[in-house]
PDB file of N, CA and C in Angstrom:
ATOM      1  N   MET A   1     269.480  36.539 181.485  1.00  0.00           N
ATOM      2  CA  MET A   1     269.722  37.340 182.668  1.00  0.00           C
ATOM      3  C   MET A   1     268.821  36.819 183.780  1.00  0.00           C
ATOM      4  N   LEU A   2     269.384  36.603 184.927  1.00  0.00           N
ATOM      5  CA  LEU A   2     268.619  36.158 186.077  1.00  0.00           C
ATOM      6  C   LEU A   2     268.488  37.320 187.041  1.00  0.00           C
ATOM      7  N   THR A   3     267.294  37.879 187.116  1.00  0.00           N
ATOM      8  CA  THR A   3     267.064  38.936 188.088  1.00  0.00           C
ATOM      9  C   THR A   3     266.386  38.307 189.289  1.00  0.00           C
ATOM     10  N   SER A   4     266.676  38.827 190.463  1.00  0.00           N
ATOM     11  CA  SER A   4     266.111  38.167 191.627  1.00  0.00           C
ATOM     12  C   SER A   4     265.869  39.116 192.778  1.00  0.00           C
ATOM     13  N   GLN A   5     264.616  39.345 193.052  1.00  0.00           N
ATOM     14  CA  GLN A   5     264.241  40.128 194.223  1.00  0.00           C
ATOM     15  C   GLN A   5     264.637  39.353 195.479  1.00  0.00           C
ATOM     16  N   GLU A   6     264.621  38.033 195.377  1.00  0.00           N
ATOM     17  CA  GLU A   6     264.939  37.200 196.524  1.00  0.00           C
ATOM     18  C   GLU A   6     266.354  37.432 197.046  1.00  0.00           C
ATOM     19  N   LEU A   7     267.292  37.792 196.173  1.00  0.00           N
ATOM     20  CA  LEU A   7     268.658  38.028 196.633  1.00  0.00           C
ATOM     21  C   LEU A   7     268.728  39.204 197.600  1.00  0.00           C
ATOM     22  N   ILE A   8     267.841  40.169 197.420  1.00  0.00           N
ATOM     23  CA  ILE A   8     267.822  41.324 198.319  1.00  0.00           C
ATOM     24  C   ILE A   8     267.473  40.856 199.730  1.00  0.00           C
ATOM     25  N   GLY A   9     266.519  39.912 199.828  1.00  0.00           N
ATOM     26  CA  GLY A   9     266.112  39.386 201.126  1.00  0.00           C
ATOM     27  C   GLY A   9     266.950  38.202 201.565  1.00  0.00           C
ATOM     28  N   LYS A  10     268.088  37.985 200.920  1.00  0.00           N
ATOM     29  CA  LYS A  10     269.002  36.886 201.236  1.00  0.00           C
ATOM     30  C   LYS A  10     268.331  35.528 201.112  1.00  0.00           C
ATOM     31  N   LYS A  11     267.482  35.371 200.118  1.00  0.00           N
ATOM     32  CA  LYS A  11     266.858  34.094 199.830  1.00  0.00           C
ATOM     33  C   LYS A  11     267.545  33.462 198.630  1.00  0.00           C
ATOM     34  N   VAL A  12     267.284  32.200 198.413  1.00  0.00           N
ATOM     35  CA  VAL A  12     267.887  31.474 197.299  1.00  0.00           C
ATOM     36  C   VAL A  12     266.916  31.465 196.130  1.00  0.00           C
ATOM     37  N   VAL A  13     267.430  31.673 194.916  1.00  0.00           N
ATOM     38  CA  VAL A  13     266.633  31.614 193.701  1.00  0.00           C
ATOM     39  C   VAL A  13     267.072  30.383 192.923  1.00  0.00           C
ATOM     40  N   CYS A  14     266.120  29.547 192.494  1.00  0.00           N
ATOM     41  CA  CYS A  14     266.456  28.359 191.720  1.00  0.00           C
ATOM     42  C   CYS A  14     265.734  28.398 190.383  1.00  0.00           C
ATOM     43  N   LYS A  15     266.437  28.041 189.333  1.00  0.00           N
ATOM     44  CA  LYS A  15     265.886  27.977 187.981  1.00  0.00           C
ATOM     45  C   LYS A  15     266.258  26.633 187.376  1.00  0.00           C
ATOM     46  N   THR A  16     265.293  25.967 186.731  1.00  0.00           N
ATOM     47  CA  THR A  16     265.588  24.729 186.014  1.00  0.00           C
ATOM     48  C   THR A  16     265.882  25.070 184.570  1.00  0.00           C
ATOM     49  N   ILE A  17     266.980  24.529 184.045  1.00  0.00           N
ATOM     50  CA  ILE A  17     267.428  24.787 182.681  1.00  0.00           C
ATOM     51  C   ILE A  17     267.258  23.521 181.865  1.00  0.00           C
ATOM     52  N   VAL A  18     266.569  23.631 180.722  1.00  0.00           N
ATOM     53  CA  VAL A  18     266.399  22.502 179.815  1.00  0.00           C
ATOM     54  C   VAL A  18     267.194  22.805 178.547  1.00  0.00           C
ATOM     55  N   LEU A  19     268.155  21.945 178.240  1.00  0.00           N
ATOM     56  CA  LEU A  19     268.980  22.142 177.050  1.00  0.00           C
ATOM     57  C   LEU A  19     268.336  21.435 175.867  1.00  0.00           C
ATOM     58  N   LYS A  20     268.204  22.122 174.752  1.00  0.00           N
ATOM     59  CA  LYS A  20     267.611  21.556 173.543  1.00  0.00           C
ATOM     60  C   LYS A  20     268.667  21.044 172.573  1.00  0.00           C
ATOM     61  N   ARG A  21     269.886  21.542 172.663  1.00  0.00           N
ATOM     62  CA  ARG A  21     270.957  21.123 171.753  1.00  0.00           C
ATOM     63  C   ARG A  21     271.597  19.842 172.266  1.00  0.00           C
ATOM     64  N   LYS A  22     272.152  19.071 171.361  1.00  0.00           N
ATOM     65  CA  LYS A  22     272.794  17.815 171.743  1.00  0.00           C
ATOM     66  C   LYS A  22     274.296  17.959 171.932  1.00  0.00           C
ATOM     67  N   ILE A  23     274.809  19.157 171.719  1.00  0.00           N
ATOM     68  CA  ILE A  23     276.234  19.392 171.894  1.00  0.00           C
ATOM     69  C   ILE A  23     276.438  20.173 173.199  1.00  0.00           C
ATOM     70  N   PRO A  24     277.647  20.163 173.744  1.00  0.00           N
ATOM     71  CA  PRO A  24     277.897  20.968 174.942  1.00  0.00           C
ATOM     72  C   PRO A  24     277.608  22.437 174.671  1.00  0.00           C
ATOM     73  N   VAL A  25     277.087  23.121 175.666  1.00  0.00           N
ATOM     74  CA  VAL A  25     276.788  24.549 175.523  1.00  0.00           C
ATOM     75  C   VAL A  25     277.469  25.309 176.654  1.00  0.00           C
ATOM     76  N   ILE A  26     277.746  26.560 176.386  1.00  0.00           N
ATOM     77  CA  ILE A  26     278.236  27.471 177.412  1.00  0.00           C
ATOM     78  C   ILE A  26     277.041  28.292 177.872  1.00  0.00           C
ATOM     79  N   LEU A  27     276.681  28.130 179.126  1.00  0.00           N
ATOM     80  CA  LEU A  27     275.581  28.892 179.712  1.00  0.00           C
ATOM     81  C   LEU A  27     276.194  30.084 180.429  1.00  0.00           C
ATOM     82  N   SER A  28     275.789  31.270 180.025  1.00  0.00           N
ATOM     83  CA  SER A  28     276.322  32.466 180.670  1.00  0.00           C
ATOM     84  C   SER A  28     275.178  33.384 181.044  1.00  0.00           C
ATOM     85  N   GLY A  29     275.416  34.220 181.999  1.00  0.00           N
ATOM     86  CA  GLY A  29     274.380  35.138 182.438  1.00  0.00           C
ATOM     87  C   GLY A  29     274.952  36.200 183.344  1.00  0.00           C
ATOM     88  N   LYS A  30     274.060  36.997 183.870  1.00  0.00           N
ATOM     89  CA  LYS A  30     274.444  38.073 184.768  1.00  0.00           C
ATOM     90  C   LYS A  30     273.438  38.099 185.907  1.00  0.00           C
ATOM     91  N   VAL A  31     273.935  38.182 187.133  1.00  0.00           N
ATOM     92  CA  VAL A  31     273.079  38.269 188.311  1.00  0.00           C
ATOM     93  C   VAL A  31     272.910  39.744 188.646  1.00  0.00           C
ATOM     94  N   VAL A  32     271.651  40.201 188.636  1.00  0.00           N
ATOM     95  CA  VAL A  32     271.331  41.595 188.949  1.00  0.00           C
ATOM     96  C   VAL A  32     270.141  41.638 189.901  1.00  0.00           C
ATOM     97  N   ASP A  33     269.975  42.771 190.568  1.00  0.00           N
ATOM     98  CA  ASP A  33     268.797  42.955 191.405  1.00  0.00           C
ATOM     99  C   ASP A  33     267.670  43.563 190.564  1.00  0.00           C
ATOM    100  N   LEU A  34     266.547  43.845 191.189  1.00  0.00           N
ATOM    101  CA  LEU A  34     265.397  44.375 190.449  1.00  0.00           C
ATOM    102  C   LEU A  34     265.659  45.738 189.819  1.00  0.00           C
ATOM    103  N   ASN A  35     266.635  46.464 190.331  1.00  0.00           N
ATOM    104  CA  ASN A  35     266.973  47.776 189.777  1.00  0.00           C
ATOM    105  C   ASN A  35     268.039  47.688 188.699  1.00  0.00           C
ATOM    106  N   GLY A  36     268.475  46.465 188.375  1.00  0.00           N
ATOM    107  CA  GLY A  36     269.490  46.292 187.353  1.00  0.00           C
ATOM    108  C   GLY A  36     270.911  46.430 187.865  1.00  0.00           C
ATOM    109  N   ASN A  37     271.074  46.571 189.180  1.00  0.00           N
ATOM    110  CA  ASN A  37     272.413  46.657 189.767  1.00  0.00           C
ATOM    111  C   ASN A  37     273.034  45.269 189.797  1.00  0.00           C
ATOM    112  N   VAL A  38     274.280  45.178 189.364  1.00  0.00           N
ATOM    113  CA  VAL A  38     274.939  43.866 189.326  1.00  0.00           C
ATOM    114  C   VAL A  38     275.210  43.364 190.734  1.00  0.00           C
ATOM    115  N   ILE A  39     275.214  42.035 190.861  1.00  0.00           N
ATOM    116  CA  ILE A  39     275.509  41.398 192.141  1.00  0.00           C
ATOM    117  C   ILE A  39     276.742  40.535 191.952  1.00  0.00           C
ATOM    118  N   GLY A  40     277.882  41.101 192.287  1.00  0.00           N
ATOM    119  CA  GLY A  40     279.131  40.360 192.225  1.00  0.00           C
ATOM    120  C   GLY A  40     279.276  39.465 193.441  1.00  0.00           C
ATOM    121  N   GLY A  41     279.923  38.334 193.269  1.00  0.00           N
ATOM    122  CA  GLY A  41     280.165  37.428 194.387  1.00  0.00           C
ATOM    123  C   GLY A  41     279.023  36.492 194.707  1.00  0.00           C
ATOM    124  N   ALA A  42     277.964  36.496 193.891  1.00  0.00           N
ATOM    125  CA  ALA A  42     276.864  35.553 194.111  1.00  0.00           C
ATOM    126  C   ALA A  42     277.336  34.152 193.736  1.00  0.00           C
ATOM    127  N   MET A  43     276.894  33.146 194.483  1.00  0.00           N
ATOM    128  CA  MET A  43     277.268  31.769 194.183  1.00  0.00           C
ATOM    129  C   MET A  43     276.163  31.121 193.357  1.00  0.00           C
ATOM    130  N   ILE A  44     276.536  30.522 192.217  1.00  0.00           N
ATOM    131  CA  ILE A  44     275.599  29.819 191.351  1.00  0.00           C
ATOM    132  C   ILE A  44     275.947  28.337 191.438  1.00  0.00           C
ATOM    133  N   GLU A  45     275.076  27.567 192.082  1.00  0.00           N
ATOM    134  CA  GLU A  45     275.271  26.124 192.255  1.00  0.00           C
ATOM    135  C   GLU A  45     274.556  25.396 191.121  1.00  0.00           C
ATOM    136  N   VAL A  46     275.170  24.341 190.602  1.00  0.00           N
ATOM    137  CA  VAL A  46     274.599  23.586 189.488  1.00  0.00           C
ATOM    138  C   VAL A  46     274.308  22.161 189.942  1.00  0.00           C
ATOM    139  N   GLU A  47     273.066  21.714 189.705  1.00  0.00           N
ATOM    140  CA  GLU A  47     272.677  20.335 189.986  1.00  0.00           C
ATOM    141  C   GLU A  47     272.172  19.685 188.708  1.00  0.00           C
ATOM    142  N   LYS A  48     272.484  18.408 188.533  1.00  0.00           N
ATOM    143  CA  LYS A  48     271.981  17.631 187.399  1.00  0.00           C
ATOM    144  C   LYS A  48     270.764  16.862 187.872  1.00  0.00           C
ATOM    145  N   LEU A  49     269.644  16.985 187.138  1.00  0.00           N
ATOM    146  CA  LEU A  49     268.412  16.276 187.441  1.00  0.00           C
ATOM    147  C   LEU A  49     268.252  15.164 186.408  1.00  0.00           C
ATOM    148  N   ASP A  50     268.491  13.925 186.809  1.00  0.00           N
ATOM    149  CA  ASP A  50     268.464  12.790 185.878  1.00  0.00           C
ATOM    150  C   ASP A  50     267.150  12.038 186.026  1.00  0.00           C
ATOM    151  N   TYR A  51     266.255  12.233 185.045  1.00  0.00           N
ATOM    152  CA  TYR A  51     264.926  11.621 185.073  1.00  0.00           C
ATOM    153  C   TYR A  51     264.937  10.198 184.538  1.00  0.00           C
ATOM    154  N   ASN A  52     266.114   9.656 184.236  1.00  0.00           N
ATOM    155  CA  ASN A  52     266.211   8.252 183.835  1.00  0.00           C
ATOM    156  C   ASN A  52     266.113   7.332 185.045  1.00  0.00           C
ATOM    157  N   TYR A  53     266.074   7.906 186.239  1.00  0.00           N
ATOM    158  CA  TYR A  53     265.928   7.161 187.487  1.00  0.00           C
ATOM    159  C   TYR A  53     264.596   7.502 188.129  1.00  0.00           C
ATOM    160  N   THR A  54     264.047   6.554 188.902  1.00  0.00           N
ATOM    161  CA  THR A  54     262.835   6.803 189.673  1.00  0.00           C
ATOM    162  C   THR A  54     263.142   6.479 191.122  1.00  0.00           C
ATOM    163  N   PRO A  55     263.110   7.463 192.026  1.00  0.00           N
ATOM    164  CA  PRO A  55     262.846   8.877 191.748  1.00  0.00           C
ATOM    165  C   PRO A  55     264.024   9.536 191.031  1.00  0.00           C
ATOM    166  N   CYS A  56     263.814  10.755 190.610  1.00  0.00           N
ATOM    167  CA  CYS A  56     264.837  11.518 189.896  1.00  0.00           C
ATOM    168  C   CYS A  56     266.131  11.554 190.710  1.00  0.00           C
ATOM    169  N   LYS A  57     267.255  11.268 190.058  1.00  0.00           N
ATOM    170  CA  LYS A  57     268.564  11.302 190.708  1.00  0.00           C
ATOM    171  C   LYS A  57     269.135  12.708 190.582  1.00  0.00           C
ATOM    172  N   ILE A  58     269.471  13.306 191.720  1.00  0.00           N
ATOM    173  CA  ILE A  58     270.018  14.667 191.740  1.00  0.00           C
ATOM    174  C   ILE A  58     271.491  14.593 192.110  1.00  0.00           C
ATOM    175  N   THR A  59     272.338  15.175 191.252  1.00  0.00           N
ATOM    176  CA  THR A  59     273.777  15.175 191.481  1.00  0.00           C
ATOM    177  C   THR A  59     274.280  16.608 191.493  1.00  0.00           C
ATOM    178  N   ASN A  60     274.998  16.973 192.556  1.00  0.00           N
ATOM    179  CA  ASN A  60     275.591  18.303 192.625  1.00  0.00           C
ATOM    180  C   ASN A  60     276.836  18.319 191.756  1.00  0.00           C
ATOM    181  N   LEU A  61     276.888  19.218 190.773  1.00  0.00           N
ATOM    182  CA  LEU A  61     278.016  19.306 189.858  1.00  0.00           C
ATOM    183  C   LEU A  61     279.045  20.350 190.266  1.00  0.00           C
ATOM    184  N   GLY A  62     278.718  21.168 191.250  1.00  0.00           N
ATOM    185  CA  GLY A  62     279.639  22.202 191.688  1.00  0.00           C
ATOM    186  C   GLY A  62     279.012  23.580 191.622  1.00  0.00           C
ATOM    187  N   TYR A  63     279.863  24.586 191.628  1.00  0.00           N
ATOM    188  CA  TYR A  63     279.361  25.949 191.614  1.00  0.00           C
ATOM    189  C   TYR A  63     280.350  26.875 190.918  1.00  0.00           C
ATOM    190  N   THR A  64     279.856  28.053 190.615  1.00  0.00           N
ATOM    191  CA  THR A  64     280.699  29.131 190.111  1.00  0.00           C
ATOM    192  C   THR A  64     280.292  30.399 190.851  1.00  0.00           C
ATOM    193  N   ILE A  65     281.139  31.399 190.805  1.00  0.00           N
ATOM    194  CA  ILE A  65     280.887  32.668 191.485  1.00  0.00           C
ATOM    195  C   ILE A  65     280.797  33.770 190.437  1.00  0.00           C
ATOM    196  N   SER A  66     279.771  34.631 190.565  1.00  0.00           N
ATOM    197  CA  SER A  66     279.677  35.756 189.629  1.00  0.00           C
ATOM    198  C   SER A  66     280.819  36.738 189.898  1.00  0.00           C
ATOM    199  N   ASN A  67     281.342  37.324 188.818  1.00  0.00           N
ATOM    200  CA  ASN A  67     282.447  38.271 188.974  1.00  0.00           C
ATOM    201  C   ASN A  67     281.924  39.640 189.433  1.00  0.00           C
ATOM    202  N   GLU A  68     282.800  40.624 189.508  1.00  0.00           N
ATOM    203  CA  GLU A  68     282.405  41.947 190.005  1.00  0.00           C
ATOM    204  C   GLU A  68     281.359  42.618 189.114  1.00  0.00           C
ATOM    205  N   ASP A  69     281.226  42.155 187.867  1.00  0.00           N
ATOM    206  CA  ASP A  69     280.192  42.677 186.967  1.00  0.00           C
ATOM    207  C   ASP A  69     278.919  41.832 187.013  1.00  0.00           C
ATOM    208  N   GLY A  70     278.861  40.852 187.927  1.00  0.00           N
ATOM    209  CA  GLY A  70     277.692  39.987 188.056  1.00  0.00           C
ATOM    210  C   GLY A  70     277.653  38.851 187.047  1.00  0.00           C
ATOM    211  N   ALA A  71     278.661  38.757 186.181  1.00  0.00           N
ATOM    212  CA  ALA A  71     278.659  37.767 185.100  1.00  0.00           C
ATOM    213  C   ALA A  71     279.170  36.407 185.594  1.00  0.00           C
ATOM    214  N   TYR A  72     278.651  35.349 184.961  1.00  0.00           N
ATOM    215  CA  TYR A  72     279.117  33.995 185.220  1.00  0.00           C
ATOM    216  C   TYR A  72     278.986  33.184 183.940  1.00  0.00           C
ATOM    217  N   CYS A  73     279.670  32.046 183.880  1.00  0.00           N
ATOM    218  CA  CYS A  73     279.485  31.120 182.766  1.00  0.00           C
ATOM    219  C   CYS A  73     279.882  29.722 183.215  1.00  0.00           C
ATOM    220  N   MET A  74     279.324  28.736 182.535  1.00  0.00           N
ATOM    221  CA  MET A  74     279.632  27.336 182.818  1.00  0.00           C
ATOM    222  C   MET A  74     279.343  26.512 181.573  1.00  0.00           C
ATOM    223  N   ARG A  75     279.980  25.358 181.475  1.00  0.00           N
ATOM    224  CA  ARG A  75     279.791  24.447 180.341  1.00  0.00           C
ATOM    225  C   ARG A  75     278.906  23.299 180.797  1.00  0.00           C
ATOM    226  N   LEU A  76     277.847  23.033 180.029  1.00  0.00           N
ATOM    227  CA  LEU A  76     276.919  21.948 180.343  1.00  0.00           C
ATOM    228  C   LEU A  76     276.765  21.030 179.138  1.00  0.00           C
ATOM    229  N   GLN A  77     276.568  19.752 179.395  1.00  0.00           N
ATOM    230  CA  GLN A  77     276.410  18.735 178.353  1.00  0.00           C
ATOM    231  C   GLN A  77     274.966  18.256 178.339  1.00  0.00           C
ATOM    232  N   LYS A  78     274.336  18.222 177.166  1.00  0.00           N
ATOM    233  CA  LYS A  78     272.984  17.691 177.031  1.00  0.00           C
ATOM    234  C   LYS A  78     273.035  16.169 177.056  1.00  0.00           C
ATOM    235  N   LYS A  79     272.166  15.579 177.878  1.00  0.00           N
ATOM    236  CA  LYS A  79     272.024  14.129 177.933  1.00  0.00           C
ATOM    237  C   LYS A  79     270.540  13.816 177.962  1.00  0.00           C
ATOM    238  N   TYR A  80     270.152  12.683 177.398  1.00  0.00           N
ATOM    239  CA  TYR A  80     268.750  12.297 177.345  1.00  0.00           C
ATOM    240  C   TYR A  80     268.177  12.184 178.755  1.00  0.00           C
ATOM    241  N   GLY A  81     267.034  12.801 178.979  1.00  0.00           N
ATOM    242  CA  GLY A  81     266.346  12.706 180.263  1.00  0.00           C
ATOM    243  C   GLY A  81     266.987  13.494 181.383  1.00  0.00           C
ATOM    244  N   VAL A  82     267.892  14.419 181.041  1.00  0.00           N
ATOM    245  CA  VAL A  82     268.617  15.180 182.062  1.00  0.00           C
ATOM    246  C   VAL A  82     268.356  16.675 181.880  1.00  0.00           C
ATOM    247  N   ASP A  83     268.007  17.338 182.976  1.00  0.00           N
ATOM    248  CA  ASP A  83     267.911  18.794 183.020  1.00  0.00           C
ATOM    249  C   ASP A  83     268.919  19.280 184.060  1.00  0.00           C
ATOM    250  N   TYR A  84     269.056  20.593 184.159  1.00  0.00           N
ATOM    251  CA  TYR A  84     269.969  21.177 185.134  1.00  0.00           C
ATOM    252  C   TYR A  84     269.227  22.200 185.966  1.00  0.00           C
ATOM    253  N   LYS A  85     269.608  22.309 187.215  1.00  0.00           N
ATOM    254  CA  LYS A  85     269.011  23.299 188.104  1.00  0.00           C
ATOM    255  C   LYS A  85     270.109  24.217 188.611  1.00  0.00           C
ATOM    256  N   LEU A  86     269.883  25.525 188.462  1.00  0.00           N
ATOM    257  CA  LEU A  86     270.813  26.526 188.974  1.00  0.00           C
ATOM    258  C   LEU A  86     270.187  27.147 190.212  1.00  0.00           C
ATOM    259  N   CYS A  87     270.924  27.180 191.293  1.00  0.00           N
ATOM    260  CA  CYS A  87     270.489  27.863 192.510  1.00  0.00           C
ATOM    261  C   CYS A  87     271.462  29.000 192.766  1.00  0.00           C
ATOM    262  N   ILE A  88     270.907  30.196 192.936  1.00  0.00           N
ATOM    263  CA  ILE A  88     271.740  31.380 193.109  1.00  0.00           C
ATOM    264  C   ILE A  88     271.627  31.833 194.568  1.00  0.00           C
ATOM    265  N   TYR A  89     272.787  31.942 195.206  1.00  0.00           N
ATOM    266  CA  TYR A  89     272.865  32.351 196.600  1.00  0.00           C
ATOM    267  C   TYR A  89     273.467  33.744 196.681  1.00  0.00           C
ATOM    268  N   PRO A  90     273.021  34.550 197.628  1.00  0.00           N
ATOM    269  CA  PRO A  90     273.577  35.901 197.744  1.00  0.00           C
ATOM    270  C   PRO A  90     275.037  35.859 198.170  1.00  0.00           C
ATOM    271  N   PRO A  91     275.771  36.927 197.886  1.00  0.00           N
ATOM    272  CA  PRO A  91     277.180  36.975 198.280  1.00  0.00           C
ATOM    273  C   PRO A  91     277.316  36.933 199.800  1.00  0.00           C
ATOM    274  N   LEU A  92     278.428  36.388 200.252  1.00  0.00           N
ATOM    275  CA  LEU A  92     278.722  36.424 201.679  1.00  0.00           C
ATOM    276  C   LEU A  92     279.138  37.839 202.033  1.00  0.00           C
ATOM    277  N   ILE A  93     278.642  38.340 203.131  1.00  0.00           N
ATOM    278  CA  ILE A  93     278.993  39.691 203.575  1.00  0.00           C
ATOM    279  C   ILE A  93     280.127  39.568 204.577  1.00  0.00           C
ATOM    280  N   ARG A  94     281.199  40.276 204.296  1.00  0.00           N
ATOM    281  CA  ARG A  94     282.358  40.260 205.195  1.00  0.00           C
ATOM    282  C   ARG A  94     282.517  41.604 205.852  1.00  0.00           C
ATOM    283  N   ASP A  95     282.862  41.565 207.134  1.00  0.00           N
ATOM    284  CA  ASP A  95     283.075  42.814 207.887  1.00  0.00           C
ATOM    285  C   ASP A  95     284.435  43.387 207.620  1.00  0.00           C
TER     286      ASP A  95
END
C-alpha cells in the first residue's frame, strides 16, 4: 500500500522497487491518503533504472491509473542490474 501525504498537497511521490524474483511479477497496490481514503484516478508512472550503464539509463515504461477504489496493478520483469521507480501523481481535477 502506498500512502502519501504528498498527494494531498498535489506533490509527486516516488518509490524505487527492487524485484528479488527472476520471473515476471504482478505489482499491485492501492493509493490512499493518510486517513485511509482511497484516491481514484491517480497516475502511477513506471520508469526502469538500468544500472548496467554509467550513468544509470532511465527508460519510461508508461503509466497506469488507479481505479475508483484506488487500486492499480502492472506486470514487471526482473533483469540483472535493473530496478523500477514508481511515481504517483495526484488525479486531475475537472470542473
